[in-house]
Amino acid sequence: MARTTNRPDDSLVTIATFETEFEAGLARGALESIGVRALVPGEALSNSSRVRAFGRAELQVFESDRDRALTELRRMQIRIVDPASD
C-alpha cells in the first residue's frame, strides 16, 4: 500500500466531525491503515472518551489526501463535513 507524500505547502483540512474524540480516533486509525495521515486536534491532550465541551471532535487530513480520505469515510458510512464549512 503506497503512503502519501505531502508537499511542504500542503494544508490540513477538516473532513468530518464526531461526538467524541474516541470516535474521531477510530476514523483516524482507519485512514492511517490505508496510508492516509490524519489528525484529531487535541486528541493526545485529553480523555479520549469524553464529549468535547465546545463542539465536536474534528478529523483532519492534508489537502492532497482529501479525496482519498473522503472516499474511505463514505465507504465506512461516516458523516462528512460539508466542504463549505471548512
PDB file of N, CA and C in Angstrom:
ATOM      1  N   MET A   1       0.840  -1.175   0.000  1.00  0.00           N
ATOM      2  CA  MET A   1       0.000   0.000   0.000  1.00  0.00           C
ATOM      3  C   MET A   1       0.890   1.244   0.000  1.00  0.00           C
ATOM      4  N   ALA A   2       0.714   2.127  -0.923  1.00  0.00           N
ATOM      5  CA  ALA A   2       1.552   3.316  -1.040  1.00  0.00           C
ATOM      6  C   ALA A   2       1.184   4.351   0.005  1.00  0.00           C
ATOM      7  N   ARG A   3       2.202   4.945   0.596  1.00  0.00           N
ATOM      8  CA  ARG A   3       1.985   6.038   1.539  1.00  0.00           C
ATOM      9  C   ARG A   3       1.972   7.345   0.769  1.00  0.00           C
ATOM     10  N   THR A   4       1.170   8.272   1.241  1.00  0.00           N
ATOM     11  CA  THR A   4       1.065   9.574   0.602  1.00  0.00           C
ATOM     12  C   THR A   4       2.263  10.434   0.981  1.00  0.00           C
ATOM     13  N   THR A   5       2.820  11.150   0.015  1.00  0.00           N
ATOM     14  CA  THR A   5       3.879  12.102   0.283  1.00  0.00           C
ATOM     15  C   THR A   5       3.269  13.485   0.174  1.00  0.00           C
ATOM     16  N   ASN A   6       3.295  14.220   1.271  1.00  0.00           N
ATOM     17  CA  ASN A   6       2.681  15.536   1.293  1.00  0.00           C
ATOM     18  C   ASN A   6       3.697  16.612   0.941  1.00  0.00           C
ATOM     19  N   ARG A   7       3.209  17.634   0.231  1.00  0.00           N
ATOM     20  CA  ARG A   7       4.051  18.766  -0.128  1.00  0.00           C
ATOM     21  C   ARG A   7       4.243  19.651   1.098  1.00  0.00           C
ATOM     22  N   PRO A   8       5.350  20.416   1.158  1.00  0.00           N
ATOM     23  CA  PRO A   8       5.580  21.304   2.299  1.00  0.00           C
ATOM     24  C   PRO A   8       4.473  22.348   2.471  1.00  0.00           C
ATOM     25  N   ASP A   9       3.811  22.740   1.373  1.00  0.00           N
ATOM     26  CA  ASP A   9       2.756  23.755   1.450  1.00  0.00           C
ATOM     27  C   ASP A   9       1.362  23.146   1.591  1.00  0.00           C
ATOM     28  N   ASP A  10       1.280  21.836   1.808  1.00  0.00           N
ATOM     29  CA  ASP A  10       0.004  21.136   1.938  1.00  0.00           C
ATOM     30  C   ASP A  10      -0.643  21.522   3.270  1.00  0.00           C
ATOM     31  N   SER A  11      -1.875  22.013   3.236  1.00  0.00           N
ATOM     32  CA  SER A  11      -2.545  22.431   4.462  1.00  0.00           C
ATOM     33  C   SER A  11      -3.496  21.356   4.962  1.00  0.00           C
ATOM     34  N   LEU A  12      -3.783  21.406   6.257  1.00  0.00           N
ATOM     35  CA  LEU A  12      -4.738  20.484   6.859  1.00  0.00           C
ATOM     36  C   LEU A  12      -6.150  20.996   6.626  1.00  0.00           C
ATOM     37  N   VAL A  13      -7.074  20.066   6.358  1.00  0.00           N
ATOM     38  CA  VAL A  13      -8.485  20.402   6.183  1.00  0.00           C
ATOM     39  C   VAL A  13      -9.318  19.460   7.046  1.00  0.00           C
ATOM     40  N   THR A  14     -10.413  19.981   7.589  1.00  0.00           N
ATOM     41  CA  THR A  14     -11.328  19.172   8.376  1.00  0.00           C
ATOM     42  C   THR A  14     -12.286  18.483   7.421  1.00  0.00           C
ATOM     43  N   ILE A  15     -12.383  17.162   7.554  1.00  0.00           N
ATOM     44  CA  ILE A  15     -13.257  16.415   6.641  1.00  0.00           C
ATOM     45  C   ILE A  15     -14.432  15.745   7.332  1.00  0.00           C
ATOM     46  N   ALA A  16     -14.402  15.650   8.674  1.00  0.00           N
ATOM     47  CA  ALA A  16     -15.511  15.019   9.385  1.00  0.00           C
ATOM     48  C   ALA A  16     -15.509  15.475  10.834  1.00  0.00           C
ATOM     49  N   THR A  17     -16.672  15.398  11.459  1.00  0.00           N
ATOM     50  CA  THR A  17     -16.786  15.710  12.884  1.00  0.00           C
ATOM     51  C   THR A  17     -17.459  14.545  13.597  1.00  0.00           C
ATOM     52  N   PHE A  18     -17.186  14.444  14.887  1.00  0.00           N
ATOM     53  CA  PHE A  18     -17.683  13.336  15.695  1.00  0.00           C
ATOM     54  C   PHE A  18     -18.125  13.847  17.057  1.00  0.00           C
ATOM     55  N   GLU A  19     -18.995  13.098  17.716  1.00  0.00           N
ATOM     56  CA  GLU A  19     -19.459  13.457  19.055  1.00  0.00           C
ATOM     57  C   GLU A  19     -18.332  13.348  20.082  1.00  0.00           C
ATOM     58  N   THR A  20     -17.431  12.373  19.910  1.00  0.00           N
ATOM     59  CA  THR A  20     -16.342  12.175  20.868  1.00  0.00           C
ATOM     60  C   THR A  20     -15.008  12.058  20.131  1.00  0.00           C
ATOM     61  N   GLU A  21     -13.947  12.317  20.874  1.00  0.00           N
ATOM     62  CA  GLU A  21     -12.614  12.140  20.316  1.00  0.00           C
ATOM     63  C   GLU A  21     -12.311  10.669  20.072  1.00  0.00           C
ATOM     64  N   PHE A  22     -12.923   9.791  20.841  1.00  0.00           N
ATOM     65  CA  PHE A  22     -12.744   8.356  20.636  1.00  0.00           C
ATOM     66  C   PHE A  22     -13.222   7.950  19.243  1.00  0.00           C
ATOM     67  N   GLU A  23     -14.425   8.410  18.862  1.00  0.00           N
ATOM     68  CA  GLU A  23     -14.962   8.096  17.533  1.00  0.00           C
ATOM     69  C   GLU A  23     -14.063   8.669  16.440  1.00  0.00           C
ATOM     70  N   ALA A  24     -13.607   9.902  16.640  1.00  0.00           N
ATOM     71  CA  ALA A  24     -12.716  10.521  15.656  1.00  0.00           C
ATOM     72  C   ALA A  24     -11.413   9.727  15.553  1.00  0.00           C
ATOM     73  N   GLY A  25     -10.933   9.226  16.686  1.00  0.00           N
ATOM     74  CA  GLY A  25      -9.717   8.427  16.689  1.00  0.00           C
ATOM     75  C   GLY A  25      -9.869   7.116  15.929  1.00  0.00           C
ATOM     76  N   LEU A  26     -11.054   6.517  16.004  1.00  0.00           N
ATOM     77  CA  LEU A  26     -11.302   5.293  15.235  1.00  0.00           C
ATOM     78  C   LEU A  26     -11.247   5.577  13.734  1.00  0.00           C
ATOM     79  N   ALA A  27     -11.847   6.686  13.311  1.00  0.00           N
ATOM     80  CA  ALA A  27     -11.809   7.056  11.894  1.00  0.00           C
ATOM     81  C   ALA A  27     -10.382   7.384  11.480  1.00  0.00           C
ATOM     82  N   ARG A  28      -9.624   8.075  12.364  1.00  0.00           N
ATOM     83  CA  ARG A  28      -8.220   8.380  12.076  1.00  0.00           C
ATOM     84  C   ARG A  28      -7.446   7.084  11.851  1.00  0.00           C
ATOM     85  N   GLY A  29      -7.663   6.110  12.709  1.00  0.00           N
ATOM     86  CA  GLY A  29      -6.982   4.831  12.564  1.00  0.00           C
ATOM     87  C   GLY A  29      -7.319   4.133  11.261  1.00  0.00           C
ATOM     88  N   ALA A  30      -8.584   4.204  10.864  1.00  0.00           N
ATOM     89  CA  ALA A  30      -8.997   3.580   9.598  1.00  0.00           C
ATOM     90  C   ALA A  30      -8.290   4.239   8.425  1.00  0.00           C
ATOM     91  N   LEU A  31      -8.183   5.567   8.451  1.00  0.00           N
ATOM     92  CA  LEU A  31      -7.492   6.267   7.361  1.00  0.00           C
ATOM     93  C   LEU A  31      -6.002   5.940   7.366  1.00  0.00           C
ATOM     94  N   GLU A  32      -5.403   5.927   8.542  1.00  0.00           N
ATOM     95  CA  GLU A  32      -3.975   5.626   8.617  1.00  0.00           C
ATOM     96  C   GLU A  32      -3.680   4.204   8.153  1.00  0.00           C
ATOM     97  N   SER A  33      -4.634   3.297   8.329  1.00  0.00           N
ATOM     98  CA  SER A  33      -4.414   1.913   7.892  1.00  0.00           C
ATOM     99  C   SER A  33      -4.334   1.791   6.371  1.00  0.00           C
ATOM    100  N   ILE A  34      -4.858   2.784   5.645  1.00  0.00           N
ATOM    101  CA  ILE A  34      -4.745   2.768   4.180  1.00  0.00           C
ATOM    102  C   ILE A  34      -3.688   3.773   3.698  1.00  0.00           C
ATOM    103  N   GLY A  35      -2.886   4.299   4.627  1.00  0.00           N
ATOM    104  CA  GLY A  35      -1.785   5.178   4.252  1.00  0.00           C
ATOM    105  C   GLY A  35      -2.103   6.652   4.184  1.00  0.00           C
ATOM    106  N   VAL A  36      -3.250   7.069   4.723  1.00  0.00           N
ATOM    107  CA  VAL A  36      -3.608   8.494   4.747  1.00  0.00           C
ATOM    108  C   VAL A  36      -3.300   9.028   6.139  1.00  0.00           C
ATOM    109  N   ARG A  37      -2.392  10.009   6.210  1.00  0.00           N
ATOM    110  CA  ARG A  37      -2.090  10.609   7.507  1.00  0.00           C
ATOM    111  C   ARG A  37      -3.262  11.475   7.942  1.00  0.00           C
ATOM    112  N   ALA A  38      -3.678  11.299   9.201  1.00  0.00           N
ATOM    113  CA  ALA A  38      -4.836  12.021   9.726  1.00  0.00           C
ATOM    114  C   ALA A  38      -4.531  12.517  11.137  1.00  0.00           C
ATOM    115  N   LEU A  39      -5.292  13.523  11.557  1.00  0.00           N
ATOM    116  CA  LEU A  39      -5.065  14.164  12.841  1.00  0.00           C
ATOM    117  C   LEU A  39      -6.401  14.477  13.496  1.00  0.00           C
ATOM    118  N   VAL A  40      -6.466  14.261  14.811  1.00  0.00           N
ATOM    119  CA  VAL A  40      -7.602  14.696  15.618  1.00  0.00           C
ATOM    120  C   VAL A  40      -7.030  15.720  16.594  1.00  0.00           C
ATOM    121  N   PRO A  41      -7.180  17.028  16.300  1.00  0.00           N
ATOM    122  CA  PRO A  41      -6.586  18.058  17.162  1.00  0.00           C
ATOM    123  C   PRO A  41      -7.030  17.903  18.617  1.00  0.00           C
ATOM    124  N   GLY A  42      -6.071  17.928  19.532  1.00  0.00           N
ATOM    125  CA  GLY A  42      -6.364  17.819  20.953  1.00  0.00           C
ATOM    126  C   GLY A  42      -6.528  16.408  21.467  1.00  0.00           C
ATOM    127  N   GLU A  43      -6.472  15.416  20.584  1.00  0.00           N
ATOM    128  CA  GLU A  43      -6.707  14.025  20.995  1.00  0.00           C
ATOM    129  C   GLU A  43      -5.726  13.571  22.069  1.00  0.00           C
ATOM    130  N   ALA A  44      -4.479  13.895  21.937  1.00  0.00           N
ATOM    131  CA  ALA A  44      -3.468  13.418  22.884  1.00  0.00           C
ATOM    132  C   ALA A  44      -3.502  14.180  24.209  1.00  0.00           C
ATOM    133  N   LEU A  45      -4.195  15.301  24.246  1.00  0.00           N
ATOM    134  CA  LEU A  45      -4.192  16.136  25.435  1.00  0.00           C
ATOM    135  C   LEU A  45      -5.351  15.894  26.378  1.00  0.00           C
ATOM    136  N   SER A  46      -6.280  15.027  26.012  1.00  0.00           N
ATOM    137  CA  SER A  46      -7.471  14.873  26.843  1.00  0.00           C
ATOM    138  C   SER A  46      -7.923  13.428  26.928  1.00  0.00           C
ATOM    139  N   ASN A  47      -8.909  13.196  27.762  1.00  0.00           N
ATOM    140  CA  ASN A  47      -9.521  11.882  27.895  1.00  0.00           C
ATOM    141  C   ASN A  47     -10.274  11.596  26.603  1.00  0.00           C
ATOM    142  N   SER A  48      -9.877  10.568  25.862  1.00  0.00           N
ATOM    143  CA  SER A  48     -10.419  10.332  24.522  1.00  0.00           C
ATOM    144  C   SER A  48     -11.882   9.924  24.496  1.00  0.00           C
ATOM    145  N   SER A  49     -12.475   9.557  25.620  1.00  0.00           N
ATOM    146  CA  SER A  49     -13.869   9.129  25.591  1.00  0.00           C
ATOM    147  C   SER A  49     -14.846  10.250  25.942  1.00  0.00           C
ATOM    148  N   ARG A  50     -14.342  11.403  26.348  1.00  0.00           N
ATOM    149  CA  ARG A  50     -15.261  12.467  26.758  1.00  0.00           C
ATOM    150  C   ARG A  50     -15.839  13.200  25.555  1.00  0.00           C
ATOM    151  N   VAL A  51     -16.978  13.811  25.761  1.00  0.00           N
ATOM    152  CA  VAL A  51     -17.579  14.654  24.739  1.00  0.00           C
ATOM    153  C   VAL A  51     -16.936  16.023  24.868  1.00  0.00           C
ATOM    154  N   ARG A  52     -16.556  16.613  23.763  1.00  0.00           N
ATOM    155  CA  ARG A  52     -15.909  17.921  23.795  1.00  0.00           C
ATOM    156  C   ARG A  52     -16.895  18.974  24.281  1.00  0.00           C
ATOM    157  N   ALA A  53     -16.432  19.846  25.162  1.00  0.00           N
ATOM    158  CA  ALA A  53     -17.298  20.870  25.743  1.00  0.00           C
ATOM    159  C   ALA A  53     -17.694  21.937  24.735  1.00  0.00           C
ATOM    160  N   PHE A  54     -16.838  22.234  23.782  1.00  0.00           N
ATOM    161  CA  PHE A  54     -17.085  23.341  22.865  1.00  0.00           C
ATOM    162  C   PHE A  54     -17.329  22.876  21.440  1.00  0.00           C
ATOM    163  N   GLY A  55     -17.991  21.787  21.276  1.00  0.00           N
ATOM    164  CA  GLY A  55     -18.277  21.311  19.938  1.00  0.00           C
ATOM    165  C   GLY A  55     -17.843  19.881  19.748  1.00  0.00           C
ATOM    166  N   ARG A  56     -17.703  19.520  18.525  1.00  0.00           N
ATOM    167  CA  ARG A  56     -17.400  18.132  18.177  1.00  0.00           C
ATOM    168  C   ARG A  56     -15.906  17.954  17.922  1.00  0.00           C
ATOM    169  N   ALA A  57     -15.470  16.714  17.992  1.00  0.00           N
ATOM    170  CA  ALA A  57     -14.087  16.384  17.657  1.00  0.00           C
ATOM    171  C   ALA A  57     -13.944  16.378  16.143  1.00  0.00           C
ATOM    172  N   GLU A  58     -12.888  16.983  15.651  1.00  0.00           N
ATOM    173  CA  GLU A  58     -12.659  17.079  14.211  1.00  0.00           C
ATOM    174  C   GLU A  58     -11.632  16.062  13.743  1.00  0.00           C
ATOM    175  N   LEU A  59     -11.801  15.627  12.508  1.00  0.00           N
ATOM    176  CA  LEU A  59     -10.833  14.760  11.845  1.00  0.00           C
ATOM    177  C   LEU A  59     -10.242  15.558  10.698  1.00  0.00           C
ATOM    178  N   GLN A  60      -8.917  15.690  10.678  1.00  0.00           N
ATOM    179  CA  GLN A  60      -8.251  16.472   9.643  1.00  0.00           C
ATOM    180  C   GLN A  60      -7.268  15.605   8.860  1.00  0.00           C
ATOM    181  N   VAL A  61      -7.132  15.942   7.584  1.00  0.00           N
ATOM    182  CA  VAL A  61      -6.140  15.315   6.705  1.00  0.00           C
ATOM    183  C   VAL A  61      -5.484  16.413   5.882  1.00  0.00           C
ATOM    184  N   PHE A  62      -4.395  16.074   5.217  1.00  0.00           N
ATOM    185  CA  PHE A  62      -3.769  17.022   4.305  1.00  0.00           C
ATOM    186  C   PHE A  62      -4.643  17.176   3.069  1.00  0.00           C
ATOM    187  N   GLU A  63      -4.657  18.383   2.533  1.00  0.00           N
ATOM    188  CA  GLU A  63      -5.473  18.700   1.352  1.00  0.00           C
ATOM    189  C   GLU A  63      -5.235  17.695   0.224  1.00  0.00           C
ATOM    190  N   SER A  64      -4.000  17.290   0.019  1.00  0.00           N
ATOM    191  CA  SER A  64      -3.683  16.354  -1.067  1.00  0.00           C
ATOM    192  C   SER A  64      -4.280  14.962  -0.843  1.00  0.00           C
ATOM    193  N   ASP A  65      -4.660  14.640   0.394  1.00  0.00           N
ATOM    194  CA  ASP A  65      -5.266  13.346   0.725  1.00  0.00           C
ATOM    195  C   ASP A  65      -6.783  13.421   0.844  1.00  0.00           C
ATOM    196  N   ARG A  66      -7.348  14.603   0.686  1.00  0.00           N
ATOM    197  CA  ARG A  66      -8.773  14.815   0.944  1.00  0.00           C
ATOM    198  C   ARG A  66      -9.670  13.834   0.179  1.00  0.00           C
ATOM    199  N   ASP A  67      -9.514  13.743  -1.129  1.00  0.00           N
ATOM    200  CA  ASP A  67     -10.405  12.888  -1.932  1.00  0.00           C
ATOM    201  C   ASP A  67     -10.323  11.428  -1.509  1.00  0.00           C
ATOM    202  N   ARG A  68      -9.119  10.954  -1.314  1.00  0.00           N
ATOM    203  CA  ARG A  68      -8.939   9.561  -0.895  1.00  0.00           C
ATOM    204  C   ARG A  68      -9.555   9.315   0.479  1.00  0.00           C
ATOM    205  N   ALA A  69      -9.361  10.256   1.404  1.00  0.00           N
ATOM    206  CA  ALA A  69      -9.915  10.121   2.754  1.00  0.00           C
ATOM    207  C   ALA A  69     -11.444  10.164   2.722  1.00  0.00           C
ATOM    208  N   LEU A  70     -12.006  11.073   1.947  1.00  0.00           N
ATOM    209  CA  LEU A  70     -13.462  11.163   1.851  1.00  0.00           C
ATOM    210  C   LEU A  70     -14.063   9.892   1.269  1.00  0.00           C
ATOM    211  N   THR A  71     -13.397   9.332   0.279  1.00  0.00           N
ATOM    212  CA  THR A  71     -13.866   8.076  -0.309  1.00  0.00           C
ATOM    213  C   THR A  71     -13.901   6.978   0.743  1.00  0.00           C
ATOM    214  N   GLU A  72     -12.863   6.886   1.547  1.00  0.00           N
ATOM    215  CA  GLU A  72     -12.803   5.857   2.589  1.00  0.00           C
ATOM    216  C   GLU A  72     -13.868   6.094   3.662  1.00  0.00           C
ATOM    217  N   LEU A  73     -14.053   7.336   4.087  1.00  0.00           N
ATOM    218  CA  LEU A  73     -15.063   7.622   5.105  1.00  0.00           C
ATOM    219  C   LEU A  73     -16.467   7.321   4.588  1.00  0.00           C
ATOM    220  N   ARG A  74     -16.721   7.639   3.336  1.00  0.00           N
ATOM    221  CA  ARG A  74     -18.031   7.314   2.752  1.00  0.00           C
ATOM    222  C   ARG A  74     -18.232   5.800   2.700  1.00  0.00           C
ATOM    223  N   ARG A  75     -17.170   5.083   2.352  1.00  0.00           N
ATOM    224  CA  ARG A  75     -17.244   3.622   2.315  1.00  0.00           C
ATOM    225  C   ARG A  75     -17.600   3.080   3.695  1.00  0.00           C
ATOM    226  N   MET A  76     -17.089   3.728   4.725  1.00  0.00           N
ATOM    227  CA  MET A  76     -17.360   3.329   6.103  1.00  0.00           C
ATOM    228  C   MET A  76     -18.658   3.941   6.638  1.00  0.00           C
ATOM    229  N   GLN A  77     -19.345   4.730   5.819  1.00  0.00           N
ATOM    230  CA  GLN A  77     -20.600   5.393   6.166  1.00  0.00           C
ATOM    231  C   GLN A  77     -20.451   6.339   7.357  1.00  0.00           C
ATOM    232  N   ILE A  78     -19.373   7.118   7.333  1.00  0.00           N
ATOM    233  CA  ILE A  78     -19.121   8.124   8.365  1.00  0.00           C
ATOM    234  C   ILE A  78     -19.577   9.475   7.841  1.00  0.00           C
ATOM    235  N   ARG A  79     -20.254  10.248   8.694  1.00  0.00           N
ATOM    236  CA  ARG A  79     -20.754  11.547   8.249  1.00  0.00           C
ATOM    237  C   ARG A  79     -19.600  12.477   7.881  1.00  0.00           C
ATOM    238  N   ILE A  80     -19.809  13.233   6.835  1.00  0.00           N
ATOM    239  CA  ILE A  80     -18.786  14.094   6.263  1.00  0.00           C
ATOM    240  C   ILE A  80     -19.158  15.560   6.488  1.00  0.00           C
ATOM    241  N   VAL A  81     -18.153  16.381   6.791  1.00  0.00           N
ATOM    242  CA  VAL A  81     -18.359  17.816   6.910  1.00  0.00           C
ATOM    243  C   VAL A  81     -18.615  18.384   5.520  1.00  0.00           C
ATOM    244  N   ASP A  82     -19.592  19.269   5.406  1.00  0.00           N
ATOM    245  CA  ASP A  82     -19.841  19.973   4.136  1.00  0.00           C
ATOM    246  C   ASP A  82     -18.603  20.801   3.824  1.00  0.00           C
ATOM    247  N   PRO A  83     -18.019  20.673   2.611  1.00  0.00           N
ATOM    248  CA  PRO A  83     -16.813  21.425   2.281  1.00  0.00           C
ATOM    249  C   PRO A  83     -16.954  22.926   2.508  1.00  0.00           C
ATOM    250  N   ALA A  84     -18.144  23.475   2.433  1.00  0.00           N
ATOM    251  CA  ALA A  84     -18.340  24.900   2.666  1.00  0.00           C
ATOM    252  C   ALA A  84     -18.095  25.284   4.112  1.00  0.00           C
ATOM    253  N   SER A  85     -18.130  24.323   5.034  1.00  0.00           N
ATOM    254  CA  SER A  85     -17.937  24.636   6.451  1.00  0.00           C
ATOM    255  C   SER A  85     -16.498  24.499   6.909  1.00  0.00           C
ATOM    256  N   ASP A  86     -15.565  24.236   5.992  1.00  0.00           N
ATOM    257  CA  ASP A  86     -14.138  24.120   6.357  1.00  0.00           C
ATOM    258  C   ASP A  86     -13.621  25.423   6.886  1.00  0.00           C
TER     259      ASP A  86
END
